Amino acid sequence: MSTPERERVVAELREAMQRSTLYTVLLHHTTASKAGLNVSDAQCLNALALDGPQTPGRLAQLMGITTGGAITAVIDRLEKAGYVRRSRDPDDRRRVIVELVPESAERYARYFEPVSEEFGAYLAGFSDAQLRALSAYMRHSNATMPGIIDRVRRMP
């Protein structure tokens, strides 16, 4: 690929990624709304689904909110809606662990089935090499994004 063509393709990719982010945010607003949640609450569910039970402090750190009232309010809302439950850490009774209620998590996950169906059908036509390249890109993106989020949080 020539340098001008490569620059054009990279610019197209950047725009496509920006548009993908736009649509992802809109999707998350839509799914949260359908479930009677706000986006922050829904992302806490997402974190619990991906990483398993967590302490409120870990959830607060991930979400970029305070460990006091803000995360407590999120967990209270999710618990009241039946999505999570609190339990005591068996190794340290002073610590609280937040975990998903499986039936409620499955109900929420249902809103993402159209995404899974669409992309599953699309990816079925990809070669093994293409799938490995996409997987590598996503692993890199996911590994670097927490640091990027932290950098943005510290910006004036």
Protein backbone atom coordinates (compact mmCIF):
# COMPACT_ATOMS: atom_id res chain seq x y z
CA MET A 1 0.00 0.00 0.00
CA SER A 2 1.40 3.39 -0.92
CA THR A 3 1.90 6.03 1.79
CA PRO A 4 -1.00 8.26 0.60
CA GLU A 5 -3.31 5.25 0.38
CA ARG A 6 -2.23 4.05 3.82
CA GLU A 7 -2.88 7.51 5.29
CA ARG A 8 -6.33 7.53 3.68
CA VAL A 9 -7.15 4.07 5.06
CA VAL A 10 -5.90 5.04 8.54
CA ALA A 11 -8.06 8.20 8.42
CA GLU A 12 -11.07 6.10 7.36
CA LEU A 13 -10.37 3.69 10.21
CA ARG A 14 -10.17 6.54 12.75
CA GLU A 15 -13.50 7.91 11.55
CA ALA A 16 -15.05 4.45 11.61
CA MET A 17 -13.81 3.95 15.19
CA GLN A 18 -15.24 7.32 16.23
CA ARG A 19 -18.59 6.39 14.66
CA SER A 20 -18.47 2.97 16.33
CA THR A 21 -17.94 4.65 19.70
CA LEU A 22 -20.90 6.94 19.02
CA TYR A 23 -23.14 3.99 18.20
CA THR A 24 -21.86 1.98 21.17
CA VAL A 25 -22.70 4.80 23.56
CA LEU A 26 -26.15 5.16 21.96
CA LEU A 27 -26.68 1.39 22.20
CA HIS A 28 -25.78 1.43 25.88
CA HIS A 29 -28.16 4.32 26.54
CA THR A 30 -30.90 2.41 24.72
CA THR A 31 -30.31 -0.90 26.49
CA ALA A 32 -30.05 0.78 29.89
CA SER A 33 -33.28 2.66 29.25
CA LYS A 34 -35.07 -0.54 28.19
CA ALA A 35 -33.94 -2.13 31.46
CA GLY A 36 -35.02 0.86 33.55
CA LEU A 37 -31.43 1.79 34.39
CA ASN A 38 -29.10 4.67 33.77
CA VAL A 39 -25.90 4.12 31.82
CA SER A 40 -23.60 4.13 34.86
CA ASP A 41 -25.71 1.49 36.56
CA ALA A 42 -25.73 -0.59 33.38
CA GLN A 43 -21.95 -0.35 33.08
CA CYS A 44 -21.60 -1.64 36.63
CA LEU A 45 -23.65 -4.65 35.52
CA ASN A 46 -21.36 -5.01 32.53
CA ALA A 47 -18.27 -4.92 34.78
CA LEU A 48 -19.74 -7.56 37.06
CA ALA A 49 -20.66 -9.74 34.08
CA LEU A 50 -17.14 -9.48 32.66
CA ASP A 51 -15.05 -9.67 35.82
CA GLY A 52 -17.27 -11.40 38.37
CA PRO A 53 -18.14 -10.30 41.91
CA GLN A 54 -16.32 -7.20 43.11
CA THR A 55 -16.06 -4.89 46.07
CA PRO A 56 -17.84 -1.55 45.89
CA GLY A 57 -14.42 0.13 45.98
CA ARG A 58 -13.26 -1.73 42.87
CA LEU A 59 -16.48 -0.85 41.03
CA ALA A 60 -16.11 2.80 42.06
CA GLN A 61 -12.52 2.87 40.82
CA LEU A 62 -13.51 1.38 37.47
CA MET A 63 -16.44 3.75 37.05
CA GLY A 64 -14.47 6.80 38.17
CA ILE A 65 -16.90 7.66 40.95
CA THR A 66 -16.47 8.13 44.69
CA THR A 67 -16.25 5.14 46.97
CA GLY A 68 -18.70 6.64 49.42
CA GLY A 69 -22.16 7.80 48.48
CA ALA A 70 -21.97 7.57 44.71
CA ILE A 71 -21.15 3.86 44.40
CA THR A 72 -23.47 3.07 47.29
CA ALA A 73 -26.33 4.77 45.42
CA VAL A 74 -25.53 2.77 42.25
CA ILE A 75 -25.46 -0.52 44.15
CA ASP A 76 -28.65 0.42 46.05
CA ARG A 77 -30.48 1.07 42.76
CA LEU A 78 -29.21 -2.15 41.19
CA GLU A 79 -30.10 -4.14 44.29
CA LYS A 80 -33.58 -2.63 44.46
CA ALA A 81 -34.10 -3.50 40.77
CA GLY A 82 -33.02 -7.08 41.50
CA TYR A 83 -29.84 -7.05 39.38
CA VAL A 84 -27.26 -7.46 42.16
CA ARG A 85 -26.95 -8.66 45.72
CA ARG A 86 -24.50 -7.80 48.43
CA SER A 87 -22.79 -10.43 50.52
CA ARG A 88 -20.01 -10.49 53.08
CA ASP A 89 -16.57 -11.58 51.94
CA PRO A 90 -16.04 -14.98 53.61
CA ASP A 91 -12.34 -14.15 54.12
CA ASP A 92 -12.94 -10.69 55.60
CA ARG A 93 -16.39 -10.13 57.08
CA ARG A 94 -15.81 -6.35 57.03
CA ARG A 95 -15.76 -6.35 53.20
CA VAL A 96 -18.85 -6.37 51.05
CA ILE A 97 -18.93 -8.20 47.73
CA VAL A 98 -21.36 -7.20 44.97
CA GLU A 99 -22.48 -9.94 42.61
CA LEU A 100 -24.95 -10.30 39.78
CA VAL A 101 -28.26 -12.05 40.23
CA PRO A 102 -27.97 -14.50 37.31
CA GLU A 103 -31.62 -14.43 36.22
CA SER A 104 -31.68 -10.64 36.12
CA ALA A 105 -28.35 -10.47 34.33
CA GLU A 106 -29.71 -12.85 31.67
CA ARG A 107 -32.76 -10.62 31.27
CA TYR A 108 -30.52 -7.60 30.69
CA ALA A 109 -28.17 -9.51 28.36
CA ARG A 110 -31.16 -10.25 26.11
CA TYR A 111 -30.97 -6.66 24.84
CA PHE A 112 -27.54 -7.42 23.35
CA GLU A 113 -28.68 -10.47 21.38
CA PRO A 114 -29.19 -8.45 18.15
CA VAL A 115 -25.54 -7.34 18.35
CA SER A 116 -24.35 -10.90 18.89
CA GLU A 117 -26.47 -12.21 16.04
CA GLU A 118 -25.40 -9.52 13.58
CA PHE A 119 -21.70 -9.70 14.31
CA GLY A 120 -21.69 -13.48 14.62
CA ALA A 121 -23.13 -13.76 11.12
CA TYR A 122 -20.67 -11.20 9.77
CA LEU A 123 -17.62 -12.79 11.38
CA ALA A 124 -18.59 -16.21 10.06
CA GLY A 125 -17.19 -15.12 6.69
CA PHE A 126 -13.80 -14.08 8.10
CA SER A 127 -10.68 -16.17 7.69
CA ASP A 128 -8.81 -17.46 10.73
CA ALA A 129 -6.07 -14.88 10.08
CA GLN A 130 -8.60 -12.04 9.96
CA LEU A 131 -10.20 -13.22 13.20
CA ARG A 132 -6.79 -13.40 14.89
CA ALA A 133 -6.00 -9.84 13.71
CA LEU A 134 -9.32 -8.51 15.00
CA SER A 135 -8.86 -10.35 18.28
CA ALA A 136 -5.35 -8.93 18.70
CA TYR A 137 -6.63 -5.42 18.00
CA MET A 138 -9.44 -5.77 20.55
CA ARG A 139 -7.13 -7.25 23.21
CA HIS A 140 -4.71 -4.33 22.70
CA SER A 141 -7.55 -1.81 22.82
CA ASN A 142 -8.97 -3.33 26.01
CA ALA A 143 -5.54 -3.52 27.64
CA THR A 144 -4.69 0.11 26.93
CA MET A 145 -8.09 1.74 27.46
CA PRO A 146 -7.98 1.88 31.30
CA GLY A 147 -4.74 3.86 31.10
CA ILE A 148 -6.21 6.16 28.45
CA ILE A 149 -9.30 6.72 30.58
CA ASP A 150 -7.06 7.55 33.54
CA ARG A 151 -5.07 10.03 31.43
CA VAL A 152 -8.27 11.74 30.29
CA ARG A 153 -9.60 11.88 33.86
CA ARG A 154 -6.42 13.72 34.93
CA MET A 155 -6.60 16.27 32.12
CA PRO A 156 -7.59 19.82 33.05
